[in-house]
Amino acid sequence: MKRIIITIDGWSSCGKSTLAKQLAKALDYLYVDSGAMYRAITLYFLRNHIDWTDKKEVKQALKSINLEFIFNPKNKISEIYLNGENIEYLVRELIIAEKVSDVAAIREVREFAVTQQKKMGVKKGIVMDGRDIGTVVFPKAELKIFMNADNAVRVQRRFKELYEKNPNVTIEEVKDNLEMRDYIDSHRKESPLKKAEDAITLDNTDLTEKQQFVKALAWARERIHPK
């Protein structure tokens, strides 16, 4: 059976990871959360007090970072590991979300992550979500999806996700964080967030998870089994 590369890009809290996981499971593909890679690097920088405005310090720090995704049979998802430590849940904290866009904008960091991401897609059969997957990492991917949703809807989704882990978080904090990340992601010099010319837009403002999954799965099957 033909195996393809599926890229899912878009704004924060549009449900990229949820859709990517669903597609990977349905197609028996590898799922890679590229955002988790940048979050893991951010976590390492924070833990080790790395000054990410210093290029030499950043380059040296990256040499000490090993990232990998290991499949967890209990929850049936690939979880990210930093130097052998499972950090899947640590990288979802608000403190990481507040810094990750700054770290991800660093050229050396992006080159480090993109190199690893490209290696993961050599054999195809992969679903990867992020900001520049369809434009930079896999510009020749067979299926590119660009996700979007109304800002107010995205804020509510993100707030619900964070509130379950931290009841002290406020919706104002979440809104400010999303607006900040949107601006940095779309205005950074290195691989800014933008829709690939051949990407299909999926606005899920008024769609359920099941509805968006059905749409995306149909697009994938059309490319796996072209008429």
C-alpha atoms as a PDB file:
ATOM      1  CA  MET A   1       0.000   0.000   0.000  1.00  0.00           C
ATOM      2  CA  LYS A   2       1.232   3.473  -0.872  1.00  0.00           C
ATOM      3  CA  ARG A   3       2.443   5.445   2.145  1.00  0.00           C
ATOM      4  CA  ILE A   4       2.396   9.234   2.213  1.00  0.00           C
ATOM      5  CA  ILE A   5       3.497  12.177   4.331  1.00  0.00           C
ATOM      6  CA  ILE A   6       0.755  14.247   5.957  1.00  0.00           C
ATOM      7  CA  THR A   7       1.554  17.690   7.337  1.00  0.00           C
ATOM      8  CA  ILE A   8      -0.740  19.687   9.609  1.00  0.00           C
ATOM      9  CA  ASP A   9       0.151  23.322  10.223  1.00  0.00           C
ATOM     10  CA  GLY A  10      -1.832  26.125  11.786  1.00  0.00           C
ATOM     11  CA  TRP A  11      -2.367  28.467  14.685  1.00  0.00           C
ATOM     12  CA  SER A  12      -2.083  27.520  18.357  1.00  0.00           C
ATOM     13  CA  SER A  13      -4.990  25.609  19.894  1.00  0.00           C
ATOM     14  CA  CYS A  14      -6.638  24.691  16.610  1.00  0.00           C
ATOM     15  CA  GLY A  15      -6.574  21.001  17.451  1.00  0.00           C
ATOM     16  CA  LYS A  16      -3.616  20.105  15.235  1.00  0.00           C
ATOM     17  CA  SER A  17      -2.246  17.467  17.586  1.00  0.00           C
ATOM     18  CA  THR A  18      -5.650  15.884  18.186  1.00  0.00           C
ATOM     19  CA  LEU A  19      -6.292  15.507  14.466  1.00  0.00           C
ATOM     20  CA  ALA A  20      -2.756  14.320  13.740  1.00  0.00           C
ATOM     21  CA  LYS A  21      -2.999  11.603  16.403  1.00  0.00           C
ATOM     22  CA  GLN A  22      -6.353  10.440  15.049  1.00  0.00           C
ATOM     23  CA  LEU A  23      -5.061  10.227  11.486  1.00  0.00           C
ATOM     24  CA  ALA A  24      -1.894   8.423  12.523  1.00  0.00           C
ATOM     25  CA  LYS A  25      -3.906   5.869  14.468  1.00  0.00           C
ATOM     26  CA  ALA A  26      -6.420   5.302  11.658  1.00  0.00           C
ATOM     27  CA  LEU A  27      -3.693   4.885   9.031  1.00  0.00           C
ATOM     28  CA  ASP A  28      -1.191   3.094  11.287  1.00  0.00           C
ATOM     29  CA  TYR A  29       1.304   5.921  10.684  1.00  0.00           C
ATOM     30  CA  LEU A  30       3.943   7.441  12.938  1.00  0.00           C
ATOM     31  CA  TYR A  31       2.771  10.627  14.667  1.00  0.00           C
ATOM     32  CA  VAL A  32       5.325  13.319  15.429  1.00  0.00           C
ATOM     33  CA  ASP A  33       4.439  16.417  17.445  1.00  0.00           C
ATOM     34  CA  SER A  34       7.040  18.893  16.196  1.00  0.00           C
ATOM     35  CA  GLY A  35       5.825  21.467  18.701  1.00  0.00           C
ATOM     36  CA  ALA A  36       6.754  19.106  21.513  1.00  0.00           C
ATOM     37  CA  MET A  37      10.309  19.097  20.209  1.00  0.00           C
ATOM     38  CA  TYR A  38      10.575  22.874  20.558  1.00  0.00           C
ATOM     39  CA  ARG A  39       8.906  22.670  23.954  1.00  0.00           C
ATOM     40  CA  ALA A  40      11.444  20.060  25.046  1.00  0.00           C
ATOM     41  CA  ILE A  41      14.322  22.277  23.950  1.00  0.00           C
ATOM     42  CA  THR A  42      12.723  25.178  25.845  1.00  0.00           C
ATOM     43  CA  LEU A  43      12.441  23.006  28.955  1.00  0.00           C
ATOM     44  CA  TYR A  44      16.118  22.083  28.689  1.00  0.00           C
ATOM     45  CA  PHE A  45      17.113  25.724  28.297  1.00  0.00           C
ATOM     46  CA  LEU A  46      15.068  26.759  31.339  1.00  0.00           C
ATOM     47  CA  ARG A  47      16.324  23.920  33.503  1.00  0.00           C
ATOM     48  CA  ASN A  48      19.941  24.615  32.637  1.00  0.00           C
ATOM     49  CA  HIS A  49      19.675  28.419  32.681  1.00  0.00           C
ATOM     50  CA  ILE A  50      20.725  28.735  29.050  1.00  0.00           C
ATOM     51  CA  ASP A  51      20.841  32.289  27.720  1.00  0.00           C
ATOM     52  CA  TRP A  52      19.133  31.769  24.366  1.00  0.00           C
ATOM     53  CA  THR A  53      20.135  35.229  23.178  1.00  0.00           C
ATOM     54  CA  ASP A  54      23.726  33.953  23.129  1.00  0.00           C
ATOM     55  CA  LYS A  55      24.314  31.942  19.925  1.00  0.00           C
ATOM     56  CA  LYS A  56      27.438  30.216  21.226  1.00  0.00           C
ATOM     57  CA  GLU A  57      25.636  29.107  24.366  1.00  0.00           C
ATOM     58  CA  VAL A  58      22.680  27.858  22.323  1.00  0.00           C
ATOM     59  CA  LYS A  59      24.880  25.862  19.941  1.00  0.00           C
ATOM     60  CA  GLN A  60      26.728  24.274  22.853  1.00  0.00           C
ATOM     61  CA  ALA A  61      23.478  23.420  24.651  1.00  0.00           C
ATOM     62  CA  LEU A  62      21.971  21.766  21.571  1.00  0.00           C
ATOM     63  CA  LYS A  63      24.880  19.312  21.517  1.00  0.00           C
ATOM     64  CA  SER A  64      23.640  17.975  24.853  1.00  0.00           C
ATOM     65  CA  ILE A  65      20.045  17.456  23.766  1.00  0.00           C
ATOM     66  CA  ASN A  66      18.709  14.125  22.543  1.00  0.00           C
ATOM     67  CA  LEU A  67      15.050  13.978  21.571  1.00  0.00           C
ATOM     68  CA  GLU A  68      13.029  10.899  20.683  1.00  0.00           C
ATOM     69  CA  PHE A  69       9.424   9.775  20.490  1.00  0.00           C
ATOM     70  CA  ILE A  70       8.552   6.480  22.183  1.00  0.00           C
ATOM     71  CA  PHE A  71       5.204   4.787  21.713  1.00  0.00           C
ATOM     72  CA  ASN A  72       3.246   4.299  24.958  1.00  0.00           C
ATOM     73  CA  PRO A  73       1.050   1.178  24.579  1.00  0.00           C
ATOM     74  CA  LYS A  74      -1.159   2.216  27.517  1.00  0.00           C
ATOM     75  CA  ASN A  75      -2.500   5.433  26.010  1.00  0.00           C
ATOM     76  CA  LYS A  76      -1.479   4.490  22.463  1.00  0.00           C
ATOM     77  CA  ILE A  77       0.416   7.701  21.693  1.00  0.00           C
ATOM     78  CA  SER A  78       4.040   8.554  20.981  1.00  0.00           C
ATOM     79  CA  GLU A  79       5.462  10.519  23.904  1.00  0.00           C
ATOM     80  CA  ILE A  80       8.472  12.802  23.795  1.00  0.00           C
ATOM     81  CA  TYR A  81      11.633  12.010  25.725  1.00  0.00           C
ATOM     82  CA  LEU A  82      14.430  14.436  26.548  1.00  0.00           C
ATOM     83  CA  ASN A  83      17.753  12.710  27.221  1.00  0.00           C
ATOM     84  CA  GLY A  84      15.937   9.547  28.246  1.00  0.00           C
ATOM     85  CA  GLU A  85      13.295  11.263  30.436  1.00  0.00           C
ATOM     86  CA  ASN A  86       9.602  11.192  29.584  1.00  0.00           C
ATOM     87  CA  ILE A  87       8.596  14.864  29.562  1.00  0.00           C
ATOM     88  CA  GLU A  88       5.301  14.539  27.671  1.00  0.00           C
ATOM     89  CA  TYR A  89       3.306  16.307  30.391  1.00  0.00           C
ATOM     90  CA  LEU A  90       5.999  18.696  31.624  1.00  0.00           C
ATOM     91  CA  VAL A  91       6.194  20.411  28.234  1.00  0.00           C
ATOM     92  CA  ARG A  92       2.481  21.279  28.367  1.00  0.00           C
ATOM     93  CA  GLU A  93       2.896  23.685  31.293  1.00  0.00           C
ATOM     94  CA  LEU A  94       2.080  27.386  30.777  1.00  0.00           C
ATOM     95  CA  ILE A  95       5.642  28.458  31.634  1.00  0.00           C
ATOM     96  CA  ILE A  96       6.863  26.490  28.613  1.00  0.00           C
ATOM     97  CA  ALA A  97       4.096  27.925  26.410  1.00  0.00           C
ATOM     98  CA  GLU A  98       5.183  31.422  27.409  1.00  0.00           C
ATOM     99  CA  LYS A  99       8.762  30.883  26.205  1.00  0.00           C
ATOM    100  CA  VAL A 100       8.564  28.334  23.390  1.00  0.00           C
ATOM    101  CA  SER A 101       7.838  30.790  20.568  1.00  0.00           C
ATOM    102  CA  ASP A 102      10.964  32.791  21.451  1.00  0.00           C
ATOM    103  CA  VAL A 103      13.108  29.649  21.483  1.00  0.00           C
ATOM    104  CA  ALA A 104      11.542  28.275  18.295  1.00  0.00           C
ATOM    105  CA  ALA A 105      12.406  31.514  16.474  1.00  0.00           C
ATOM    106  CA  ILE A 106      16.153  30.912  16.914  1.00  0.00           C
ATOM    107  CA  ARG A 107      17.767  29.789  13.643  1.00  0.00           C
ATOM    108  CA  GLU A 108      20.098  27.264  15.285  1.00  0.00           C
ATOM    109  CA  VAL A 109      17.215  25.697  17.193  1.00  0.00           C
ATOM    110  CA  ARG A 110      15.072  25.387  14.075  1.00  0.00           C
ATOM    111  CA  GLU A 111      17.923  23.871  12.070  1.00  0.00           C
ATOM    112  CA  PHE A 112      18.509  21.359  14.858  1.00  0.00           C
ATOM    113  CA  ALA A 113      14.834  20.337  15.000  1.00  0.00           C
ATOM    114  CA  VAL A 114      14.154  20.375  11.252  1.00  0.00           C
ATOM    115  CA  THR A 115      17.130  18.098  10.573  1.00  0.00           C
ATOM    116  CA  GLN A 116      15.701  15.502  12.953  1.00  0.00           C
ATOM    117  CA  GLN A 117      12.182  15.913  11.583  1.00  0.00           C
ATOM    118  CA  LYS A 118      13.281  15.317   7.983  1.00  0.00           C
ATOM    119  CA  LYS A 119      15.018  12.089   9.003  1.00  0.00           C
ATOM    120  CA  MET A 120      11.789  10.865  10.578  1.00  0.00           C
ATOM    121  CA  GLY A 121       9.950  11.204   7.273  1.00  0.00           C
ATOM    122  CA  VAL A 122      12.405   9.377   5.010  1.00  0.00           C
ATOM    123  CA  LYS A 123      10.310   6.194   4.938  1.00  0.00           C
ATOM    124  CA  LYS A 124       7.033   8.165   4.771  1.00  0.00           C
ATOM    125  CA  GLY A 125       3.962   6.856   6.600  1.00  0.00           C
ATOM    126  CA  ILE A 126       4.115   9.834   8.952  1.00  0.00           C
ATOM    127  CA  VAL A 127       1.789  12.551  10.255  1.00  0.00           C
ATOM    128  CA  MET A 128       3.542  15.629  11.636  1.00  0.00           C
ATOM    129  CA  ASP A 129       2.005  18.819  12.972  1.00  0.00           C
ATOM    130  CA  GLY A 130       3.554  22.196  13.640  1.00  0.00           C
ATOM    131  CA  ARG A 131       4.053  25.618  12.108  1.00  0.00           C
ATOM    132  CA  ASP A 132       6.377  25.051   9.138  1.00  0.00           C
ATOM    133  CA  ILE A 133       5.959  21.351   8.359  1.00  0.00           C
ATOM    134  CA  GLY A 134       4.299  21.815   4.973  1.00  0.00           C
ATOM    135  CA  THR A 135       6.446  24.787   3.957  1.00  0.00           C
ATOM    136  CA  VAL A 136       9.933  23.901   5.253  1.00  0.00           C
ATOM    137  CA  VAL A 137      10.190  20.357   6.621  1.00  0.00           C
ATOM    138  CA  PHE A 138       8.178  18.464   3.983  1.00  0.00           C
ATOM    139  CA  PRO A 139       7.456  20.850   1.100  1.00  0.00           C
ATOM    140  CA  LYS A 140       6.686  17.866  -1.156  1.00  0.00           C
ATOM    141  CA  ALA A 141       4.251  16.152   1.220  1.00  0.00           C
ATOM    142  CA  GLU A 142       1.329  14.463  -0.511  1.00  0.00           C
ATOM    143  CA  LEU A 143      -1.243  15.986   1.868  1.00  0.00           C
ATOM    144  CA  LYS A 144      -0.902  19.358   3.547  1.00  0.00           C
ATOM    145  CA  ILE A 145      -3.572  20.655   5.909  1.00  0.00           C
ATOM    146  CA  PHE A 146      -3.652  24.159   7.350  1.00  0.00           C
ATOM    147  CA  MET A 147      -5.881  24.469  10.403  1.00  0.00           C
ATOM    148  CA  ASN A 148      -7.619  27.569  11.674  1.00  0.00           C
ATOM    149  CA  ALA A 149     -10.404  28.537  14.075  1.00  0.00           C
ATOM    150  CA  ASP A 150     -12.006  31.646  15.514  1.00  0.00           C
ATOM    151  CA  ASN A 151      -9.744  33.310  18.102  1.00  0.00           C
ATOM    152  CA  ALA A 152     -12.361  33.208  20.861  1.00  0.00           C
ATOM    153  CA  VAL A 153     -12.865  29.497  20.274  1.00  0.00           C
ATOM    154  CA  ARG A 154      -9.135  28.853  20.429  1.00  0.00           C
ATOM    155  CA  VAL A 155      -8.836  30.742  23.718  1.00  0.00           C
ATOM    156  CA  GLN A 156     -11.647  28.701  25.266  1.00  0.00           C
ATOM    157  CA  ARG A 157     -10.099  25.437  24.099  1.00  0.00           C
ATOM    158  CA  ARG A 158      -6.687  26.317  25.477  1.00  0.00           C
ATOM    159  CA  PHE A 159      -8.138  27.589  28.755  1.00  0.00           C
ATOM    160  CA  LYS A 160     -10.058  24.353  29.280  1.00  0.00           C
ATOM    161  CA  GLU A 161      -6.931  22.308  28.619  1.00  0.00           C
ATOM    162  CA  LEU A 162      -4.759  24.306  31.022  1.00  0.00           C
ATOM    163  CA  TYR A 163      -7.424  24.728  33.716  1.00  0.00           C
ATOM    164  CA  GLU A 164      -7.615  20.955  34.169  1.00  0.00           C
ATOM    165  CA  LYS A 165      -3.935  20.969  35.102  1.00  0.00           C
ATOM    166  CA  ASN A 166      -3.797  24.340  36.865  1.00  0.00           C
ATOM    167  CA  PRO A 167      -7.061  25.779  38.308  1.00  0.00           C
ATOM    168  CA  ASN A 168      -5.236  29.039  39.050  1.00  0.00           C
ATOM    169  CA  VAL A 169      -4.760  29.931  35.401  1.00  0.00           C
ATOM    170  CA  THR A 170      -6.979  32.761  34.147  1.00  0.00           C
ATOM    171  CA  ILE A 171      -8.601  33.154  30.753  1.00  0.00           C
ATOM    172  CA  GLU A 172      -6.856  36.531  30.409  1.00  0.00           C
ATOM    173  CA  GLU A 173      -3.468  34.836  30.774  1.00  0.00           C
ATOM    174  CA  VAL A 174      -4.400  32.283  28.127  1.00  0.00           C
ATOM    175  CA  LYS A 175      -5.667  34.966  25.723  1.00  0.00           C
ATOM    176  CA  ASP A 176      -2.505  37.042  26.140  1.00  0.00           C
ATOM    177  CA  ASN A 177      -0.304  33.987  25.642  1.00  0.00           C
ATOM    178  CA  LEU A 178      -2.109  32.938  22.455  1.00  0.00           C
ATOM    179  CA  GLU A 179      -1.950  36.432  20.983  1.00  0.00           C
ATOM    180  CA  MET A 180       1.742  36.659  21.788  1.00  0.00           C
ATOM    181  CA  ARG A 181       2.481  33.259  20.233  1.00  0.00           C
ATOM    182  CA  ASP A 182       0.433  34.075  17.128  1.00  0.00           C
ATOM    183  CA  TYR A 183       2.416  37.252  16.584  1.00  0.00           C
ATOM    184  CA  ILE A 184       5.820  35.680  17.159  1.00  0.00           C
ATOM    185  CA  ASP A 185       5.039  32.596  15.076  1.00  0.00           C
ATOM    186  CA  SER A 186       3.826  34.612  12.084  1.00  0.00           C
ATOM    187  CA  HIS A 187       6.437  37.386  12.233  1.00  0.00           C
ATOM    188  CA  ARG A 188       9.651  35.525  13.075  1.00  0.00           C
ATOM    189  CA  LYS A 189      12.471  35.618  10.525  1.00  0.00           C
ATOM    190  CA  GLU A 190      13.119  31.882  10.580  1.00  0.00           C
ATOM    191  CA  SER A 191      10.354  29.715   9.076  1.00  0.00           C
ATOM    192  CA  PRO A 192       7.347  31.899   9.967  1.00  0.00           C
ATOM    193  CA  LEU A 193       3.906  30.339  10.219  1.00  0.00           C
ATOM    194  CA  LYS A 194       2.161  30.545   6.872  1.00  0.00           C
ATOM    195  CA  LYS A 195      -0.066  28.404   4.735  1.00  0.00           C
ATOM    196  CA  ALA A 196       1.634  26.397   1.996  1.00  0.00           C
ATOM    197  CA  GLU A 197       0.261  27.256  -1.432  1.00  0.00           C
ATOM    198  CA  ASP A 198      -0.948  23.682  -1.968  1.00  0.00           C
ATOM    199  CA  ALA A 199      -2.375  23.190   1.533  1.00  0.00           C
ATOM    200  CA  ILE A 200      -6.070  22.584   2.209  1.00  0.00           C
ATOM    201  CA  THR A 201      -7.598  24.928   4.779  1.00  0.00           C
ATOM    202  CA  LEU A 202      -9.541  23.248   7.571  1.00  0.00           C
ATOM    203  CA  ASP A 203     -11.470  25.787   9.660  1.00  0.00           C
ATOM    204  CA  ASN A 204     -12.871  23.840  12.594  1.00  0.00           C
ATOM    205  CA  THR A 205     -14.599  26.709  14.427  1.00  0.00           C
ATOM    206  CA  ASP A 206     -17.949  24.977  14.028  1.00  0.00           C
ATOM    207  CA  LEU A 207     -16.763  21.393  13.581  1.00  0.00           C
ATOM    208  CA  THR A 208     -16.633  18.597  16.128  1.00  0.00           C
ATOM    209  CA  GLU A 209     -13.510  16.464  16.469  1.00  0.00           C
ATOM    210  CA  LYS A 210     -15.274  13.651  14.639  1.00  0.00           C
ATOM    211  CA  GLN A 211     -16.381  15.888  11.766  1.00  0.00           C
ATOM    212  CA  GLN A 212     -12.913  17.297  11.148  1.00  0.00           C
ATOM    213  CA  PHE A 213     -11.403  13.812  11.408  1.00  0.00           C
ATOM    214  CA  VAL A 214     -13.805  12.420   8.803  1.00  0.00           C
ATOM    215  CA  LYS A 215     -12.913  15.265   6.403  1.00  0.00           C
ATOM    216  CA  ALA A 216      -9.164  14.858   6.846  1.00  0.00           C
ATOM    217  CA  LEU A 217      -9.256  11.066   6.631  1.00  0.00           C
ATOM    218  CA  ALA A 218     -11.143  11.294   3.327  1.00  0.00           C
ATOM    219  CA  TRP A 219      -8.462  13.656   1.959  1.00  0.00           C
ATOM    220  CA  ALA A 220      -5.742  11.227   3.063  1.00  0.00           C
ATOM    221  CA  ARG A 221      -7.422   8.217   1.483  1.00  0.00           C
ATOM    222  CA  GLU A 222      -7.857  10.112  -1.790  1.00  0.00           C
ATOM    223  CA  ARG A 223      -4.088  10.516  -1.958  1.00  0.00           C
ATOM    224  CA  ILE A 224      -3.245   7.023  -0.791  1.00  0.00           C
ATOM    225  CA  HIS A 225      -5.670   5.491  -3.299  1.00  0.00           C
ATOM    226  CA  PRO A 226      -5.854   7.983  -6.184  1.00  0.00           C
ATOM    227  CA  LYS A 227      -8.518   7.211  -8.779  1.00  0.00           C
END
